[in-house]
Protein backbone atom coordinates (compact mmCIF):
# COMPACT_ATOMS: atom_id res chain seq x y z
CA UNK A 1 -0.15 -0.35 -0.06
CA UNK A 2 2.94 2.36 0.98
CA UNK A 3 4.46 1.58 -2.56
CA UNK A 4 1.15 2.78 -4.06
CA UNK A 5 0.93 5.74 -2.27
CA UNK A 6 4.28 7.11 -3.25
CA UNK A 7 3.90 5.86 -6.60
CA UNK A 8 0.90 7.85 -6.91
CA UNK A 9 2.16 10.82 -5.70
CA UNK A 10 5.07 10.63 -7.67
CA UNK A 11 3.18 10.53 -10.97
CA UNK A 12 0.18 12.80 -10.26
CA UNK A 13 1.07 14.44 -6.87
CA UNK A 14 4.27 16.15 -8.24
CA UNK A 15 3.09 17.79 -11.59
CA UNK A 16 -0.30 18.71 -9.75
CA UNK A 17 1.50 20.62 -7.07
CA UNK A 18 4.27 22.13 -9.35
CA UNK A 19 1.48 23.61 -11.14
CA UNK A 20 -0.07 24.95 -7.61
CA UNK A 21 3.23 26.49 -6.75
CA UNK A 22 3.29 27.90 -9.69
CA UNK A 23 -0.31 29.92 -9.21
CA UNK A 24 -0.23 30.25 -5.49
CA UNK A 25 2.32 31.72 -2.88
CA UNK A 26 0.35 30.10 -0.04
CA UNK A 27 1.07 26.71 -1.60
CA UNK A 28 4.55 27.67 -2.35
CA UNK A 29 5.06 28.21 1.21
CA UNK A 30 3.40 25.33 2.36
CA UNK A 31 5.89 23.16 0.00
CA UNK A 32 8.54 25.23 1.76
CA UNK A 33 7.47 24.58 5.44
CA UNK A 34 7.01 20.55 4.08
CA UNK A 35 10.35 20.45 2.68
CA UNK A 36 12.39 21.71 6.05
CA UNK A 37 9.99 19.36 8.17
CA UNK A 38 10.01 16.31 5.86
CA UNK A 39 13.22 15.18 7.07
CA UNK A 40 11.98 14.59 10.69
CA UNK A 41 8.97 12.78 9.56
CA UNK A 42 10.72 9.52 8.26
CA UNK A 43 7.91 9.09 5.61
CA UNK A 44 10.09 6.83 3.40
CA UNK A 45 9.95 3.23 1.24
CA UNK A 46 12.75 1.43 0.72
CA UNK A 47 13.51 -0.25 -2.87
CA UNK A 48 15.68 -3.42 -2.93
CA UNK A 49 15.67 -3.38 1.01
CA UNK A 50 18.13 -5.34 2.94
CA UNK A 51 17.07 -4.27 6.39
CA UNK A 52 19.16 -7.35 7.96
CA UNK A 53 22.34 -5.43 7.15
CA UNK A 54 23.77 -3.32 9.72
CA UNK A 55 24.88 -0.66 7.34
CA UNK A 56 24.25 2.76 7.88
CA UNK A 57 21.91 2.64 4.41
CA UNK A 58 19.77 -0.20 3.84
CA UNK A 59 18.56 0.03 0.53
CA UNK A 60 17.46 2.66 -1.94
CA UNK A 61 15.46 5.15 -0.43
CA UNK A 62 12.95 7.59 -1.74
CA UNK A 63 11.13 9.71 1.31
CA UNK A 64 8.16 12.65 1.33
CA UNK A 65 11.43 15.21 1.61
CA UNK A 66 12.41 13.97 -2.32
CA UNK A 67 8.65 14.27 -3.26
CA UNK A 68 8.38 17.67 -2.03
CA UNK A 69 11.90 18.74 -3.37
CA UNK A 70 10.64 16.93 -6.89
CA UNK A 71 7.89 19.10 -6.67
CA UNK A 72 9.23 22.33 -6.22
CA UNK A 73 11.97 21.89 -8.75
CA UNK A 74 9.37 21.36 -11.55
CA UNK A 75 7.54 24.51 -9.93
CA UNK A 76 10.15 26.68 -10.36
CA UNK A 77 11.09 25.45 -13.72
CA UNK A 78 7.45 26.32 -15.09
CA UNK A 79 6.95 29.75 -13.13
CA UNK A 80 8.13 32.96 -14.41
CA UNK A 81 8.78 34.05 -10.86
CA UNK A 82 11.70 31.98 -10.62
CA UNK A 83 14.43 33.02 -13.21
CA UNK A 84 18.40 31.58 -13.88
CA UNK A 85 17.93 28.13 -12.20
CA UNK A 86 21.54 26.93 -11.27
CA UNK A 87 21.45 22.95 -10.98
CA UNK A 88 25.26 23.31 -9.91
CA UNK A 89 25.38 25.99 -7.81
CA UNK A 90 28.10 26.59 -5.45
CA UNK A 91 30.07 23.73 -3.77
CA UNK A 92 29.21 21.43 -6.89
CA UNK A 93 32.68 21.35 -7.96
CA UNK A 94 34.08 20.00 -4.62
CA UNK A 95 30.95 17.59 -4.12
CA UNK A 96 31.89 16.08 -7.78
CA UNK A 97 35.35 15.31 -6.53
CA UNK A 98 33.63 13.80 -3.70
CA UNK A 99 31.62 12.00 -5.87
CA UNK A 100 34.59 10.75 -7.98
CA UNK A 101 36.11 8.83 -5.36
CA UNK A 102 33.19 7.70 -4.04
CA UNK A 103 32.44 5.98 -7.39
CA UNK A 104 36.07 4.66 -7.09
CA UNK A 105 35.39 3.35 -3.52
CA UNK A 106 32.05 1.65 -5.27
CA UNK A 107 33.95 -0.07 -8.22
CA UNK A 108 36.38 -1.42 -5.82
CA UNK A 109 33.81 -2.52 -2.97
CA UNK A 110 33.39 -6.09 -1.50
CA UNK A 111 29.38 -5.61 -2.24
CA UNK A 112 28.82 -2.50 -4.61
CA UNK A 113 25.31 -2.54 -4.18
CA UNK A 114 25.73 -1.53 -0.39
CA UNK A 115 27.83 1.70 -2.10
CA UNK A 116 24.96 2.43 -4.32
CA UNK A 117 22.68 2.53 -1.13
CA UNK A 118 24.52 5.38 0.57
CA UNK A 119 25.48 7.44 -2.43
CA UNK A 120 21.54 7.77 -3.61
CA UNK A 121 20.83 9.17 -0.39
CA UNK A 122 23.73 11.50 -0.68
CA UNK A 123 22.76 12.01 -3.99
CA UNK A 124 19.20 13.08 -2.83
CA UNK A 125 20.51 15.15 -0.19
CA UNK A 126 22.33 17.35 -2.78
CA UNK A 127 18.98 17.46 -4.94
CA UNK A 128 17.57 19.12 -1.74
CA UNK A 129 20.21 21.67 -1.65
CA UNK A 130 20.18 22.27 -5.26
CA UNK A 131 16.06 23.13 -4.99
CA UNK A 132 16.29 25.08 -1.65
CA UNK A 133 19.39 27.31 -3.36
CA UNK A 134 17.16 28.16 -6.45
CA UNK A 135 14.17 28.53 -4.07
CA UNK A 136 15.69 31.13 -1.46
CA UNK A 137 17.81 33.07 -4.26
CA UNK A 138 15.03 33.92 -6.36
CA UNK A 139 12.80 34.45 -3.17
CA UNK A 140 15.26 35.85 -0.46
CA UNK A 141 12.16 37.25 1.79
CA UNK A 142 11.55 33.71 2.84
CA UNK A 143 14.85 33.18 4.14
CA UNK A 144 13.49 34.57 7.70
CA UNK A 145 10.41 32.15 7.09
CA UNK A 146 13.06 29.29 6.90
CA UNK A 147 13.82 30.46 10.74
CA UNK A 148 10.30 30.05 11.62
CA UNK A 149 10.50 26.46 10.26
CA UNK A 150 13.11 25.46 11.54
CA UNK A 151 11.75 26.88 14.93
CA UNK A 152 8.91 25.21 14.45
CA UNK A 153 10.80 21.79 13.56
CA UNK A 154 12.59 22.13 17.34
CA UNK A 155 9.21 22.54 18.92
CA UNK A 156 7.61 19.36 17.48
CA UNK A 157 10.77 17.53 18.89
CA UNK A 158 10.32 19.06 22.24
CA UNK A 159 6.52 18.07 22.56
CA UNK A 160 7.67 14.37 21.61
CA UNK A 161 10.45 14.78 24.32
CA UNK A 162 8.12 15.87 26.34
CA UNK A 163 5.62 12.97 25.68
CA UNK A 164 8.53 10.11 25.99
CA UNK A 165 9.89 11.36 29.19
CA UNK A 166 6.69 12.13 31.07
CA UNK A 167 4.29 10.00 29.77
CA UNK A 168 6.17 7.13 28.34
CA UNK A 169 8.93 7.14 30.64
CA UNK A 170 11.32 6.95 28.40
CA UNK A 171 14.78 7.69 29.81
CA UNK A 172 16.56 8.61 27.06
CA UNK A 173 14.43 10.45 24.71
CA UNK A 174 14.73 10.16 20.62
CA UNK A 175 12.20 12.50 19.52
CA UNK A 176 10.46 11.29 16.30
CA UNK A 177 14.07 9.91 15.39
CA UNK A 178 15.19 6.37 15.92
CA UNK A 179 18.28 7.10 18.09
CA UNK A 180 19.03 10.01 21.07
CA UNK A 181 21.98 10.91 19.06
CA UNK A 182 20.33 11.92 16.13
CA UNK A 183 18.10 13.99 18.14
CA UNK A 184 21.20 15.74 19.80
CA UNK A 185 22.63 16.75 16.75
CA UNK A 186 19.56 17.63 14.71
CA UNK A 187 18.97 20.22 17.80
CA UNK A 188 22.47 20.94 17.82
CA UNK A 189 22.69 22.16 14.64
CA UNK A 190 19.52 24.28 14.83
CA UNK A 191 19.71 26.17 18.28
CA UNK A 192 22.94 28.49 17.37
CA UNK A 193 20.96 29.56 14.25
CA UNK A 194 17.92 30.46 15.94
CA UNK A 195 19.64 32.33 18.68
CA UNK A 196 21.95 33.97 15.92
CA UNK A 197 19.01 35.38 14.36
CA UNK A 198 17.54 36.47 17.97
CA UNK A 199 20.34 38.41 19.08
CA UNK A 200 20.71 39.77 16.01
CA UNK A 201 16.88 41.41 16.23
CA UNK A 202 13.70 40.69 17.27
CA UNK A 203 12.15 37.67 15.33
CA UNK A 204 8.52 37.51 15.06
CA UNK A 205 6.84 35.92 16.92
CA UNK A 206 9.18 36.07 19.42
CA UNK A 207 7.90 33.29 21.76
CA UNK A 208 7.88 30.86 19.05
CA UNK A 209 11.81 31.36 18.86
CA UNK A 210 12.83 31.38 22.69
CA UNK A 211 10.69 28.45 23.22
CA UNK A 212 12.29 26.62 20.23
CA UNK A 213 15.65 27.50 21.71
CA UNK A 214 14.95 26.34 25.24
CA UNK A 215 13.22 23.62 23.84
CA UNK A 216 16.02 22.69 21.64
CA UNK A 217 18.27 22.78 24.90
CA UNK A 218 15.60 20.63 26.69
CA UNK A 219 16.10 17.85 23.81
CA UNK A 220 19.68 17.36 23.89
CA UNK A 221 19.56 17.40 27.90
CA UNK A 222 16.88 14.55 27.50
CA UNK A 223 19.10 12.52 25.31
CA UNK A 224 21.95 12.17 27.92
CA UNK A 225 24.44 12.24 24.96
CA UNK A 226 27.57 13.27 26.91
CA UNK A 227 29.19 14.52 23.76
CA UNK A 228 25.90 16.20 22.49
CA UNK A 229 25.78 17.84 26.26
CA UNK A 230 29.33 19.39 25.79
CA UNK A 231 28.97 20.17 22.32
CA UNK A 232 25.67 22.33 22.38
CA UNK A 233 27.25 24.62 25.24
CA UNK A 234 30.42 25.37 22.95
CA UNK A 235 28.21 25.78 19.99
CA UNK A 236 25.68 28.38 21.86
CA UNK A 237 28.52 29.93 23.61
CA UNK A 238 30.42 30.49 19.73
CA UNK A 239 27.15 31.54 18.43
CA UNK A 240 26.95 34.25 21.22
CA UNK A 241 30.78 35.27 21.23
CA UNK A 242 30.17 35.90 17.15
CA UNK A 243 27.13 37.78 17.70
CA UNK A 244 29.03 39.87 20.07
CA UNK A 245 32.03 40.44 17.56
CA UNK A 246 29.37 41.83 14.91
CA UNK A 247 28.18 44.29 17.24
CA UNK A 248 27.82 45.14 21.13
CA UNK A 249 24.46 46.14 22.21
CA UNK A 250 22.71 46.61 25.80
CA UNK A 251 19.84 44.29 24.17
CA UNK A 252 22.14 41.66 23.59
CA UNK A 253 23.72 41.58 26.85
CA UNK A 254 20.76 41.79 28.63
CA UNK A 255 19.22 38.66 26.39
CA UNK A 256 22.35 36.58 26.93
CA UNK A 257 22.42 37.06 30.80
CA UNK A 258 19.00 35.95 31.21
CA UNK A 259 19.74 32.87 28.91
CA UNK A 260 22.46 32.01 30.60
CA UNK A 261 20.63 32.15 33.83
CA UNK A 262 17.73 29.67 32.56
CA UNK A 263 20.46 27.84 30.70
CA UNK A 264 22.15 27.08 34.15
CA UNK A 265 18.96 26.96 36.24
CA UNK A 266 17.77 24.05 33.53
CA UNK A 267 21.41 22.19 34.05
CA UNK A 268 20.88 22.42 37.73
CA UNK A 269 18.11 20.66 37.58
CA UNK A 270 19.02 17.84 35.72
CA UNK A 271 22.64 17.71 36.96
CA UNK A 272 22.28 14.61 38.54
CA UNK A 273 20.96 12.30 36.20
CA UNK A 274 23.72 14.27 33.63
CA UNK A 275 26.56 13.53 36.28
CA UNK A 276 25.52 9.93 36.66
CA UNK A 277 25.37 9.51 32.81
CA UNK A 278 29.00 11.03 32.59
CA UNK A 279 30.37 8.78 35.49
CA UNK A 280 28.62 5.24 34.51
CA UNK A 281 29.39 5.11 31.11
CA UNK A 282 30.10 1.52 30.36
CA UNK A 283 33.94 1.18 29.53
CA UNK A 284 32.69 -1.41 26.75
CA UNK A 285 31.69 1.35 24.98
CA UNK A 286 34.54 3.04 24.51
CA UNK A 287 36.55 -0.08 23.80
CA UNK A 288 34.54 -0.77 20.94
CA UNK A 289 34.57 2.63 19.67
CA UNK A 290 38.28 2.24 20.10
CA UNK A 291 38.32 -1.34 18.24
CA UNK A 292 35.78 0.46 15.43
CA UNK A 293 38.75 2.87 14.93
CA UNK A 294 41.94 0.47 14.43
CA UNK A 295 39.79 -1.60 12.34
CA UNK A 296 39.00 1.45 10.01
CA UNK A 297 42.48 2.38 10.35
CA UNK A 298 43.98 -0.59 9.10
CA UNK A 299 41.12 -0.60 6.04
CA UNK A 300 42.50 2.82 5.05
CA UNK A 301 46.63 1.64 5.13
CA UNK A 302 45.90 -1.85 3.24
CA UNK A 303 43.32 -0.44 0.50
CA UNK A 304 43.93 2.67 -1.33
CA UNK A 305 40.09 3.35 -2.36
CA UNK A 306 38.82 1.66 1.12
CA UNK A 307 36.64 -1.52 1.29
CA UNK A 308 34.06 0.27 -0.24
CA UNK A 309 31.40 2.97 0.79
CA UNK A 310 29.17 1.40 3.27
CA UNK A 311 30.72 -1.58 3.19
CA UNK A 312 32.35 -1.26 6.80
CA UNK A 313 30.04 -3.40 8.48
CA UNK A 314 30.24 -5.93 5.76
CA UNK A 315 34.15 -6.20 5.97
CA UNK A 316 34.45 -6.45 9.70
CA UNK A 317 31.88 -9.31 9.57
CA UNK A 318 33.01 -11.23 6.71
CA UNK A 319 37.01 -10.56 6.40
CA UNK A 320 40.34 -10.69 7.95
CA UNK A 321 39.25 -7.30 9.79
CA UNK A 322 36.85 -9.84 12.21
CA UNK A 323 39.77 -10.11 14.17
CA UNK A 324 39.33 -6.51 15.66
CA UNK A 325 35.96 -7.52 17.29
CA UNK A 326 37.41 -11.04 18.11
CA UNK A 327 35.09 -12.60 14.84
CA UNK A 328 31.99 -11.95 17.50
CA UNK A 329 29.32 -10.82 14.22
CA UNK A 330 26.79 -9.22 16.49
CA UNK A 331 29.75 -6.70 16.73
CA UNK A 332 29.71 -6.13 13.57
CA UNK A 333 28.06 -2.25 13.37
CA UNK A 334 29.12 1.08 11.76
CA UNK A 335 32.13 2.84 12.87
CA UNK A 336 31.25 5.74 15.11
CA UNK A 337 33.48 7.66 14.06
CA UNK A 338 32.52 9.67 10.72
CA UNK A 339 36.24 10.35 9.47
CA UNK A 340 37.49 6.69 10.19
CA UNK A 341 34.37 5.45 8.56
CA UNK A 342 34.95 7.35 5.89
CA UNK A 343 38.89 6.68 5.66
CA UNK A 344 38.33 3.05 5.83
CA UNK A 345 35.59 2.86 3.25
CA UNK A 346 36.82 5.60 1.01
CA UNK A 347 40.44 5.55 1.79
CA UNK A 348 42.37 8.80 2.65
CA UNK A 349 41.97 9.97 -0.77
CA UNK A 350 38.38 9.63 -0.09
CA UNK A 351 38.52 10.89 3.12
CA UNK A 352 40.04 13.91 1.92
CA UNK A 353 37.52 14.93 -0.82
CA UNK A 354 34.97 14.83 2.02
CA UNK A 355 36.84 16.79 4.19
CA UNK A 356 37.30 19.15 0.86
CA UNK A 357 33.60 18.98 0.34
CA UNK A 358 32.10 19.92 4.10
CA UNK A 359 35.58 21.77 4.60
CA UNK A 360 34.52 24.04 1.41
CA UNK A 361 31.14 25.14 3.05
CA UNK A 362 32.90 25.68 6.72
CA UNK A 363 35.44 27.87 5.20
CA UNK A 364 33.02 30.24 3.44
CA UNK A 365 30.97 30.21 6.65
CA UNK A 366 33.91 31.54 8.58
CA UNK A 367 35.24 34.39 6.13
CA UNK A 368 31.55 35.43 5.94
CA UNK A 369 30.87 35.75 9.58
CA UNK A 370 34.26 37.21 10.81
CA UNK A 371 33.37 40.23 8.62
CA UNK A 372 32.15 42.85 10.99
CA UNK A 373 28.99 43.82 8.63
CA UNK A 374 25.84 43.25 10.77
CA UNK A 375 22.83 42.21 9.17
CA UNK A 376 20.66 39.37 9.71
CA UNK A 377 22.52 37.64 6.68
CA UNK A 378 25.55 37.58 8.37
CA UNK A 379 23.69 37.03 11.62
CA UNK A 380 22.61 33.39 9.75
CA UNK A 381 26.26 32.86 8.64
CA UNK A 382 27.54 33.02 11.99
CA UNK A 383 24.91 30.60 13.23
CA UNK A 384 25.83 28.14 10.73
CA UNK A 385 29.02 28.26 11.63
CA UNK A 386 28.47 27.34 15.23
CA UNK A 387 26.20 24.56 13.76
CA UNK A 388 28.95 23.31 11.26
CA UNK A 389 31.39 23.11 14.13
CA UNK A 390 28.74 21.42 16.11
CA UNK A 391 28.35 18.99 13.45
CA UNK A 392 32.17 18.23 13.01
CA UNK A 393 33.05 18.10 16.64
CA UNK A 394 30.34 15.22 16.77
CA UNK A 395 31.67 13.30 13.69
CA UNK A 396 34.43 12.33 15.99
CA UNK A 397 32.00 10.68 18.45
CA UNK A 398 29.32 9.21 16.11
CA UNK A 399 28.45 8.24 12.17
CA UNK A 400 24.98 9.96 12.49
CA UNK A 401 26.15 12.17 9.73
CA UNK A 402 25.41 9.60 7.32
CA UNK A 403 21.58 9.47 8.42
CA UNK A 404 18.84 11.06 6.29
CA UNK A 405 17.49 13.55 8.78
CA UNK A 406 21.13 15.15 9.47
CA UNK A 407 22.39 14.45 6.22
CA UNK A 408 19.54 16.95 4.63
CA UNK A 409 19.84 19.23 7.53
CA UNK A 410 23.67 19.81 6.89
CA UNK A 411 22.35 20.45 2.82
CA UNK A 412 19.58 22.74 4.01
CA UNK A 413 21.98 25.43 6.32
CA UNK A 414 24.48 25.06 3.24
CA UNK A 415 21.47 26.77 1.33
CA UNK A 416 20.85 28.87 3.45
CA UNK A 417 24.34 30.13 3.90
CA UNK A 418 25.27 30.31 0.61
CA UNK A 419 22.45 32.27 -0.58
CA UNK A 420 23.08 34.73 2.45
CA UNK A 421 26.92 35.27 1.14
CA UNK A 422 25.53 35.90 -2.33
CA UNK A 423 22.76 38.46 -1.01
CA UNK A 424 25.16 40.57 0.73
CA UNK A 425 27.89 40.43 -2.36
CA UNK A 426 24.65 41.48 -4.30
CA UNK A 427 24.18 44.52 -1.76
CA UNK A 428 27.77 45.45 -1.58
CA UNK A 429 27.97 45.72 -5.43
CA UNK A 430 25.28 47.79 -5.63
CA UNK A 431 26.48 50.57 -3.43
CA UNK A 432 29.70 50.38 -5.15
CA UNK A 433 27.65 50.98 -8.64
CA UNK A 434 25.58 53.46 -6.84
CA UNK A 435 28.46 55.61 -4.90
CA UNK A 436 30.26 55.41 -8.54
CA UNK A 437 33.29 53.42 -7.56
CA UNK A 438 32.32 50.72 -10.44
CA UNK A 439 31.38 51.65 -13.81
CA UNK A 440 28.13 50.32 -15.48
CA UNK A 441 25.41 47.96 -13.82
CA UNK A 442 27.75 45.17 -12.06
CA UNK A 443 25.21 44.21 -9.43
CA UNK A 444 24.44 40.59 -9.79
CA UNK A 445 22.42 39.71 -6.82
CA UNK A 446 19.43 37.74 -6.46
CA UNK A 447 17.09 38.14 -9.45
């Protein structure tokens, strides 16, 4: 039944939705909201399903996010409101290099099919990036609307967390996700952006943003993710510090003081459980992580293109690398270190291409944020820089960057970042043109 519904949505829903988007700005906003909320809904069908496999991707997936993205892409293509659609936006060259090494890895994989499972997810994530980039580039007034929807996304998770903790008695909340660490990183990446926007200026409705920020903090605390709690604190501190670097105002100082007081009060309230979580962490968990990392290191040393994308669990279970888990098949899972995982599966060259790809966005956010020209776009940039930092730090303890919700969120924030950079660049060139510093109409901002 699920496959029938998705087929119907793809064949009829996409073109009908695209036509409605062309005719109605309300439908356009609804589709944008769905695009941002769908990754957390986990409405997915799986072709060629291998549910027994313990890799990061277990089939050729297709989900609600993909349907909405295709609808918006077609809607923009047939609408006169959206001009100059770029199918290869900023970041496409590093992504293409990354893809090249992924293909080389798959070509040398133990089971190439498993590699194509993960590759299909990464390509779908990039499609979301292309769609959201082109949409916001042609409708920059919707950037603040995206902040509101991301705030709604966090409030949605907060409601689920409260239900799980106080009605279902779940110790480590998961929200709408399957694991607490996914929820933790999801909140870690959104909260710094919302906080940066609020510190820059009053966001309407204020209650939505503040409930979302505090709710996001509650979500992370409720997962009892040791890394998540520390990294969220660092990301919030980074967002505050960069905001003050941009411009110091009495309003910011007052907000920061009140915010810190609330944060400290919440931490004290949950301190007993948090301390217990840190002190009673099982030693076996750390030993397993070390063994996984050692196995990935061996794979990268011995195979130039690694054992194959999404082939780490297979290699750990069925090859000589099983020695790293004492040949216990039940232990053959995914390496809990995104960088060693890429090294083991795609080789050091593949890891370098991955770092080039994600690092290109990080450097753009860094260069954009450190310039002291305070506006909403630069505030978004510094918030996204803190979000990227949280993502990369979490990568040393988890592989959740490979999961759809986190991968899609990375591409979502990247699209927002690149559009903000282009808007600022266009405004600067417009000012230069008006002041006569350069001849002609050199302004190439959003059309």
